[in-house]
Amino acid sequence: MTLELVTTDGLFRLDELELEVTNNIWLLGDDREVMVFDAAHDHRPIVEAVGGRRVEAIVLTHGHSDHIDRAAALREAVDAPILLHPADRMLWDRVYEDETPDGELAHGAVLAAGGHELGVFHTPGHSPGSCCFHDGADGLMFSGDTLFKGGPGATGPKFTYSDEPTILRSIRGFLLTLPGETIVHTGHGESTTIEAEHQTVLDRMAELGVD
């Protein structure tokens, strides 16, 4: 398995919210082709990590600016399609006036590159179009900002279009059904496992009375 991590630093902007963030960009594939998950802040280190391999797709975990702001530049550099769930198109349009994604992510779809197959989970809550990507054969998942080490991704009044009960239901309904040893590679910070986050999610649901 070829799994590589690139990190970039920059700003997350959403309405009046502005935060300094470090983003994880994940590459999965082999020595010939890869998928790239997210395109944040600076496309050049991502291109360097690709190293001339074919890029099957630039897969966007969701439409927040810090995950997509170099997607168009990366597309031009590596000649690969950009995939985004259509429920986050309004977030894309806040960043790009004259660019469009090339394809739509859909729940239940399968993405493939370099001998890896990943199932797409539509996991709204952090944003309406947030998605996670599960590689069952290798026991890993890319969660974007849906699930972190420490629990669910951010929601609340400052995160327009977000909803905490929705993200909790998404995690319980899809992610917590995976084997506990599944490694979760996140959009920010350290990786974790489904087992490590399982009880935190259930406890928060109980606290809020989410059914």
C-alpha atoms as a PDB file:
ATOM      1  CA  MET A   1       0.000   0.000   0.000  1.00  0.00           C
ATOM      2  CA  THR A   2       1.199   3.480  -0.878  1.00  0.00           C
ATOM      3  CA  LEU A   3      -0.256   6.058   1.510  1.00  0.00           C
ATOM      4  CA  GLU A   4       1.283   9.503   1.715  1.00  0.00           C
ATOM      5  CA  LEU A   5       0.500  12.613   3.737  1.00  0.00           C
ATOM      6  CA  VAL A   6       1.115  16.205   2.690  1.00  0.00           C
ATOM      7  CA  THR A   7       0.356  19.033   5.127  1.00  0.00           C
ATOM      8  CA  THR A   8      -0.210  22.669   4.218  1.00  0.00           C
ATOM      9  CA  ASP A   9      -0.951  25.779   6.274  1.00  0.00           C
ATOM     10  CA  GLY A  10      -3.357  28.585   5.544  1.00  0.00           C
ATOM     11  CA  LEU A  11      -6.697  30.196   6.335  1.00  0.00           C
ATOM     12  CA  PHE A  12     -10.157  28.698   6.641  1.00  0.00           C
ATOM     13  CA  ARG A  13     -12.788  31.302   5.789  1.00  0.00           C
ATOM     14  CA  LEU A  14     -16.550  30.925   6.102  1.00  0.00           C
ATOM     15  CA  ASP A  15     -18.752  34.000   6.364  1.00  0.00           C
ATOM     16  CA  GLU A  16     -17.283  35.969   9.307  1.00  0.00           C
ATOM     17  CA  LEU A  17     -15.207  33.037  10.579  1.00  0.00           C
ATOM     18  CA  GLU A  18     -11.473  33.052   9.809  1.00  0.00           C
ATOM     19  CA  LEU A  19      -9.043  30.517  11.316  1.00  0.00           C
ATOM     20  CA  GLU A  20      -5.396  29.576  10.824  1.00  0.00           C
ATOM     21  CA  VAL A  21      -5.342  25.853  10.081  1.00  0.00           C
ATOM     22  CA  THR A  22      -3.027  23.033   9.056  1.00  0.00           C
ATOM     23  CA  ASN A  23      -4.645  20.666   6.579  1.00  0.00           C
ATOM     24  CA  ASN A  24      -3.934  17.043   5.792  1.00  0.00           C
ATOM     25  CA  ILE A  25      -3.881  16.055   2.126  1.00  0.00           C
ATOM     26  CA  TRP A  26      -3.801  12.295   1.616  1.00  0.00           C
ATOM     27  CA  LEU A  27      -2.532  10.383  -1.434  1.00  0.00           C
ATOM     28  CA  LEU A  28      -3.470   6.721  -1.888  1.00  0.00           C
ATOM     29  CA  GLY A  29      -2.405   4.453  -4.730  1.00  0.00           C
ATOM     30  CA  ASP A  30       0.747   2.781  -6.012  1.00  0.00           C
ATOM     31  CA  ASP A  31       3.855   3.754  -7.946  1.00  0.00           C
ATOM     32  CA  ARG A  32       1.831   4.442 -11.086  1.00  0.00           C
ATOM     33  CA  GLU A  33      -1.389   6.173 -10.028  1.00  0.00           C
ATOM     34  CA  VAL A  34      -2.986   7.799  -6.996  1.00  0.00           C
ATOM     35  CA  MET A  35      -6.096   9.471  -5.700  1.00  0.00           C
ATOM     36  CA  VAL A  36      -5.638  12.787  -3.908  1.00  0.00           C
ATOM     37  CA  PHE A  37      -7.975  13.674  -1.053  1.00  0.00           C
ATOM     38  CA  ASP A  38      -8.428  17.459  -0.759  1.00  0.00           C
ATOM     39  CA  ALA A  39      -6.357  20.315  -2.149  1.00  0.00           C
ATOM     40  CA  ALA A  40      -5.546  22.878   0.509  1.00  0.00           C
ATOM     41  CA  HIS A  41      -3.656  26.177   0.541  1.00  0.00           C
ATOM     42  CA  ASP A  42      -0.747  25.311  -1.793  1.00  0.00           C
ATOM     43  CA  HIS A  43      -0.908  22.821  -4.646  1.00  0.00           C
ATOM     44  CA  ARG A  44       2.858  22.689  -5.231  1.00  0.00           C
ATOM     45  CA  PRO A  45       3.797  20.236  -2.435  1.00  0.00           C
ATOM     46  CA  ILE A  46       0.911  18.032  -3.566  1.00  0.00           C
ATOM     47  CA  VAL A  47       2.267  18.009  -7.122  1.00  0.00           C
ATOM     48  CA  GLU A  48       5.690  17.166  -5.747  1.00  0.00           C
ATOM     49  CA  ALA A  49       4.262  14.237  -3.776  1.00  0.00           C
ATOM     50  CA  VAL A  50       2.414  12.976  -6.861  1.00  0.00           C
ATOM     51  CA  GLY A  51       5.810  12.807  -8.533  1.00  0.00           C
ATOM     52  CA  GLY A  52       4.572  12.395 -12.080  1.00  0.00           C
ATOM     53  CA  ARG A  53       2.148   9.581 -11.337  1.00  0.00           C
ATOM     54  CA  ARG A  54      -1.275   9.555 -12.923  1.00  0.00           C
ATOM     55  CA  VAL A  55      -3.885  11.145 -10.665  1.00  0.00           C
ATOM     56  CA  GLU A  56      -7.162   9.256 -10.983  1.00  0.00           C
ATOM     57  CA  ALA A  57      -9.125  11.979  -9.180  1.00  0.00           C
ATOM     58  CA  ILE A  58      -8.893  14.946  -6.852  1.00  0.00           C
ATOM     59  CA  VAL A  59     -11.471  13.881  -4.275  1.00  0.00           C
ATOM     60  CA  LEU A  60     -12.873  16.658  -2.076  1.00  0.00           C
ATOM     61  CA  THR A  61     -14.099  15.526   1.327  1.00  0.00           C
ATOM     62  CA  HIS A  62     -16.291  18.627   1.526  1.00  0.00           C
ATOM     63  CA  GLY A  63     -16.585  22.140   0.175  1.00  0.00           C
ATOM     64  CA  HIS A  64     -15.025  24.328   2.868  1.00  0.00           C
ATOM     65  CA  SER A  65     -12.482  26.754   1.517  1.00  0.00           C
ATOM     66  CA  ASP A  66      -9.469  25.244   3.269  1.00  0.00           C
ATOM     67  CA  HIS A  67     -10.088  21.885   1.577  1.00  0.00           C
ATOM     68  CA  ILE A  68     -10.756  23.131  -1.959  1.00  0.00           C
ATOM     69  CA  ASP A  69      -8.948  26.424  -2.502  1.00  0.00           C
ATOM     70  CA  ARG A  70      -6.149  24.880  -4.608  1.00  0.00           C
ATOM     71  CA  ALA A  71      -8.252  22.251  -6.347  1.00  0.00           C
ATOM     72  CA  ALA A  72      -8.431  24.109  -9.647  1.00  0.00           C
ATOM     73  CA  ALA A  73      -4.689  24.784  -9.645  1.00  0.00           C
ATOM     74  CA  LEU A  74      -3.985  21.147  -8.821  1.00  0.00           C
ATOM     75  CA  ARG A  75      -6.310  20.012 -11.610  1.00  0.00           C
ATOM     76  CA  GLU A  76      -4.411  22.117 -14.089  1.00  0.00           C
ATOM     77  CA  ALA A  77      -1.055  20.814 -12.849  1.00  0.00           C
ATOM     78  CA  VAL A  78      -1.866  17.086 -12.853  1.00  0.00           C
ATOM     79  CA  ASP A  79      -4.733  16.895 -15.383  1.00  0.00           C
ATOM     80  CA  ALA A  80      -7.192  15.095 -13.109  1.00  0.00           C
ATOM     81  CA  PRO A  81     -10.939  15.476 -12.491  1.00  0.00           C
ATOM     82  CA  ILE A  82     -12.271  17.145  -9.354  1.00  0.00           C
ATOM     83  CA  LEU A  83     -15.018  15.246  -7.535  1.00  0.00           C
ATOM     84  CA  LEU A  84     -17.357  16.933  -5.020  1.00  0.00           C
ATOM     85  CA  HIS A  85     -20.716  16.005  -3.518  1.00  0.00           C
ATOM     86  CA  PRO A  86     -23.371  18.261  -5.104  1.00  0.00           C
ATOM     87  CA  ALA A  87     -24.812  19.279  -1.718  1.00  0.00           C
ATOM     88  CA  ASP A  88     -21.658  21.356  -1.172  1.00  0.00           C
ATOM     89  CA  ARG A  89     -21.747  23.118  -4.513  1.00  0.00           C
ATOM     90  CA  MET A  90     -22.833  26.385  -2.862  1.00  0.00           C
ATOM     91  CA  LEU A  91     -19.594  26.287  -0.804  1.00  0.00           C
ATOM     92  CA  TRP A  92     -17.553  25.654  -3.949  1.00  0.00           C
ATOM     93  CA  ASP A  93     -19.186  28.673  -5.598  1.00  0.00           C
ATOM     94  CA  ARG A  94     -18.037  30.900  -2.743  1.00  0.00           C
ATOM     95  CA  VAL A  95     -14.427  30.083  -3.635  1.00  0.00           C
ATOM     96  CA  TYR A  96     -14.642  29.770  -7.423  1.00  0.00           C
ATOM     97  CA  GLU A  97     -16.550  32.065  -9.748  1.00  0.00           C
ATOM     98  CA  ASP A  98     -15.433  30.598 -13.074  1.00  0.00           C
ATOM     99  CA  GLU A  99     -14.442  27.001 -12.255  1.00  0.00           C
ATOM    100  CA  THR A 100     -16.628  23.931 -11.813  1.00  0.00           C
ATOM    101  CA  PRO A 101     -16.032  20.428 -10.444  1.00  0.00           C
ATOM    102  CA  ASP A 102     -15.789  17.671 -13.028  1.00  0.00           C
ATOM    103  CA  GLY A 103     -17.926  15.045 -11.323  1.00  0.00           C
ATOM    104  CA  GLU A 104     -20.225  14.368  -8.399  1.00  0.00           C
ATOM    105  CA  LEU A 105     -19.634  12.110  -5.430  1.00  0.00           C
ATOM    106  CA  ALA A 106     -22.569   9.881  -4.504  1.00  0.00           C
ATOM    107  CA  HIS A 107     -23.263   7.668  -1.512  1.00  0.00           C
ATOM    108  CA  GLY A 108     -22.523   4.062  -2.387  1.00  0.00           C
ATOM    109  CA  ALA A 109     -20.188   4.863  -5.262  1.00  0.00           C
ATOM    110  CA  VAL A 110     -16.774   3.185  -5.452  1.00  0.00           C
ATOM    111  CA  LEU A 111     -13.555   5.043  -6.292  1.00  0.00           C
ATOM    112  CA  ALA A 112     -10.490   3.153  -7.513  1.00  0.00           C
ATOM    113  CA  ALA A 113      -6.804   3.874  -8.075  1.00  0.00           C
ATOM    114  CA  GLY A 114      -3.578   1.930  -7.779  1.00  0.00           C
ATOM    115  CA  GLY A 115      -5.262  -1.297  -6.736  1.00  0.00           C
ATOM    116  CA  HIS A 116      -7.360   0.340  -4.018  1.00  0.00           C
ATOM    117  CA  GLU A 117     -11.138   0.567  -3.935  1.00  0.00           C
ATOM    118  CA  LEU A 118     -12.925   2.985  -1.620  1.00  0.00           C
ATOM    119  CA  GLY A 119     -16.615   3.150  -0.896  1.00  0.00           C
ATOM    120  CA  VAL A 120     -18.180   6.589  -0.611  1.00  0.00           C
ATOM    121  CA  PHE A 121     -20.229   7.437   2.489  1.00  0.00           C
ATOM    122  CA  HIS A 122     -22.275  10.644   2.358  1.00  0.00           C
ATOM    123  CA  THR A 123     -21.947  11.920   5.930  1.00  0.00           C
ATOM    124  CA  PRO A 124     -23.630  15.333   6.236  1.00  0.00           C
ATOM    125  CA  GLY A 125     -23.354  17.433   9.365  1.00  0.00           C
ATOM    126  CA  HIS A 126     -20.098  19.368   9.216  1.00  0.00           C
ATOM    127  CA  SER A 127     -21.363  20.473   5.823  1.00  0.00           C
ATOM    128  CA  PRO A 128     -24.304  19.190   3.758  1.00  0.00           C
ATOM    129  CA  GLY A 129     -22.062  17.408   1.270  1.00  0.00           C
ATOM    130  CA  SER A 130     -19.384  15.997   3.564  1.00  0.00           C
ATOM    131  CA  CYS A 131     -18.213  12.528   2.552  1.00  0.00           C
ATOM    132  CA  CYS A 132     -15.971   9.803   3.963  1.00  0.00           C
ATOM    133  CA  PHE A 133     -14.109   7.160   1.971  1.00  0.00           C
ATOM    134  CA  HIS A 134     -13.598   3.598   3.214  1.00  0.00           C
ATOM    135  CA  ASP A 135     -10.934   1.185   1.994  1.00  0.00           C
ATOM    136  CA  GLY A 136     -12.113  -2.060   3.539  1.00  0.00           C
ATOM    137  CA  ALA A 137      -9.276  -4.183   2.185  1.00  0.00           C
ATOM    138  CA  ASP A 138      -6.657  -2.025   3.896  1.00  0.00           C
ATOM    139  CA  GLY A 139      -8.735  -1.159   6.961  1.00  0.00           C
ATOM    140  CA  LEU A 140      -8.636   2.596   6.590  1.00  0.00           C
ATOM    141  CA  MET A 141     -10.911   5.541   6.020  1.00  0.00           C
ATOM    142  CA  PHE A 142     -10.498   9.178   5.021  1.00  0.00           C
ATOM    143  CA  SER A 143     -12.914  11.200   7.126  1.00  0.00           C
ATOM    144  CA  GLY A 144     -12.283  14.798   6.096  1.00  0.00           C
ATOM    145  CA  ASP A 145     -13.753  16.910   8.889  1.00  0.00           C
ATOM    146  CA  THR A 146     -16.527  14.470   9.823  1.00  0.00           C
ATOM    147  CA  LEU A 147     -14.576  12.575  12.486  1.00  0.00           C
ATOM    148  CA  PHE A 148     -11.378  13.523  14.304  1.00  0.00           C
ATOM    149  CA  LYS A 149      -9.224  12.187  17.082  1.00  0.00           C
ATOM    150  CA  GLY A 150     -11.437  13.322  19.956  1.00  0.00           C
ATOM    151  CA  GLY A 151     -14.810  13.121  18.264  1.00  0.00           C
ATOM    152  CA  PRO A 152     -17.024  14.656  15.585  1.00  0.00           C
ATOM    153  CA  GLY A 153     -16.068  17.604  13.432  1.00  0.00           C
ATOM    154  CA  ALA A 154     -17.110  21.150  14.255  1.00  0.00           C
ATOM    155  CA  THR A 155     -20.699  22.333  14.051  1.00  0.00           C
ATOM    156  CA  GLY A 156     -22.507  25.355  15.420  1.00  0.00           C
ATOM    157  CA  PRO A 157     -23.591  28.888  14.582  1.00  0.00           C
ATOM    158  CA  LYS A 158     -20.199  29.907  13.163  1.00  0.00           C
ATOM    159  CA  PHE A 159     -20.170  26.927  10.792  1.00  0.00           C
ATOM    160  CA  THR A 160     -22.856  27.834   8.274  1.00  0.00           C
ATOM    161  CA  TYR A 161     -24.870  24.856   6.990  1.00  0.00           C
ATOM    162  CA  SER A 162     -23.644  22.586   9.828  1.00  0.00           C
ATOM    163  CA  ASP A 163     -25.747  20.625  12.321  1.00  0.00           C
ATOM    164  CA  GLU A 164     -24.557  18.563  15.299  1.00  0.00           C
ATOM    165  CA  PRO A 165     -27.383  15.997  15.484  1.00  0.00           C
ATOM    166  CA  THR A 166     -26.927  15.384  11.764  1.00  0.00           C
ATOM    167  CA  ILE A 167     -23.192  14.740  12.018  1.00  0.00           C
ATOM    168  CA  LEU A 168     -23.721  12.448  15.007  1.00  0.00           C
ATOM    169  CA  ARG A 169     -26.314  10.425  13.099  1.00  0.00           C
ATOM    170  CA  SER A 170     -24.009  10.244  10.086  1.00  0.00           C
ATOM    171  CA  ILE A 171     -21.143   8.915  12.189  1.00  0.00           C
ATOM    172  CA  ARG A 172     -23.323   6.416  14.041  1.00  0.00           C
ATOM    173  CA  GLY A 173     -25.127   5.257  10.919  1.00  0.00           C
ATOM    174  CA  PHE A 174     -22.097   4.682   8.729  1.00  0.00           C
ATOM    175  CA  LEU A 175     -18.740   5.037  10.448  1.00  0.00           C
ATOM    176  CA  LEU A 176     -19.466   3.248  13.712  1.00  0.00           C
ATOM    177  CA  THR A 177     -20.590   0.211  11.714  1.00  0.00           C
ATOM    178  CA  LEU A 178     -17.012  -0.299  10.511  1.00  0.00           C
ATOM    179  CA  PRO A 179     -14.555  -2.578  12.331  1.00  0.00           C
ATOM    180  CA  GLY A 180     -13.147  -0.910  15.436  1.00  0.00           C
ATOM    181  CA  GLU A 181      -9.573  -1.274  14.208  1.00  0.00           C
ATOM    182  CA  THR A 182     -10.318   0.802  11.092  1.00  0.00           C
ATOM    183  CA  ILE A 183      -7.744   3.607  10.921  1.00  0.00           C
ATOM    184  CA  VAL A 184      -9.310   7.025  10.429  1.00  0.00           C
ATOM    185  CA  HIS A 185      -7.172   9.506   8.490  1.00  0.00           C
ATOM    186  CA  THR A 186      -8.538  12.952   9.220  1.00  0.00           C
ATOM    187  CA  GLY A 187      -8.589  16.313   7.479  1.00  0.00           C
ATOM    188  CA  HIS A 188      -6.663  17.969  10.324  1.00  0.00           C
ATOM    189  CA  GLY A 189      -4.517  16.608  13.122  1.00  0.00           C
ATOM    190  CA  GLU A 190      -3.641  13.055  14.065  1.00  0.00           C
ATOM    191  CA  SER A 191      -5.189   9.861  12.766  1.00  0.00           C
ATOM    192  CA  THR A 192      -7.345   7.747  15.068  1.00  0.00           C
ATOM    193  CA  THR A 193      -9.473   4.586  14.965  1.00  0.00           C
ATOM    194  CA  ILE A 194     -13.192   3.881  14.951  1.00  0.00           C
ATOM    195  CA  GLU A 195     -12.857   2.114  18.310  1.00  0.00           C
ATOM    196  CA  ALA A 196     -11.159   5.119  19.910  1.00  0.00           C
ATOM    197  CA  GLU A 197     -14.001   7.476  18.930  1.00  0.00           C
ATOM    198  CA  HIS A 198     -16.957   5.107  19.300  1.00  0.00           C
ATOM    199  CA  GLN A 199     -17.966   5.870  22.866  1.00  0.00           C
ATOM    200  CA  THR A 200     -17.334   9.611  22.555  1.00  0.00           C
ATOM    201  CA  VAL A 201     -19.873   9.793  19.746  1.00  0.00           C
ATOM    202  CA  LEU A 202     -22.473   7.715  21.583  1.00  0.00           C
ATOM    203  CA  ASP A 203     -22.003   9.713  24.786  1.00  0.00           C
ATOM    204  CA  ARG A 204     -22.553  12.989  22.945  1.00  0.00           C
ATOM    205  CA  MET A 205     -25.680  11.626  21.307  1.00  0.00           C
ATOM    206  CA  ALA A 206     -27.020  10.627  24.704  1.00  0.00           C
ATOM    207  CA  GLU A 207     -26.154  14.038  26.157  1.00  0.00           C
ATOM    208  CA  LEU A 208     -28.111  15.809  23.409  1.00  0.00           C
ATOM    209  CA  GLY A 209     -30.930  13.268  23.335  1.00  0.00           C
ATOM    210  CA  VAL A 210     -30.305  12.465  19.692  1.00  0.00           C
ATOM    211  CA  ASP A 211     -32.178   9.322  18.652  1.00  0.00           C
END
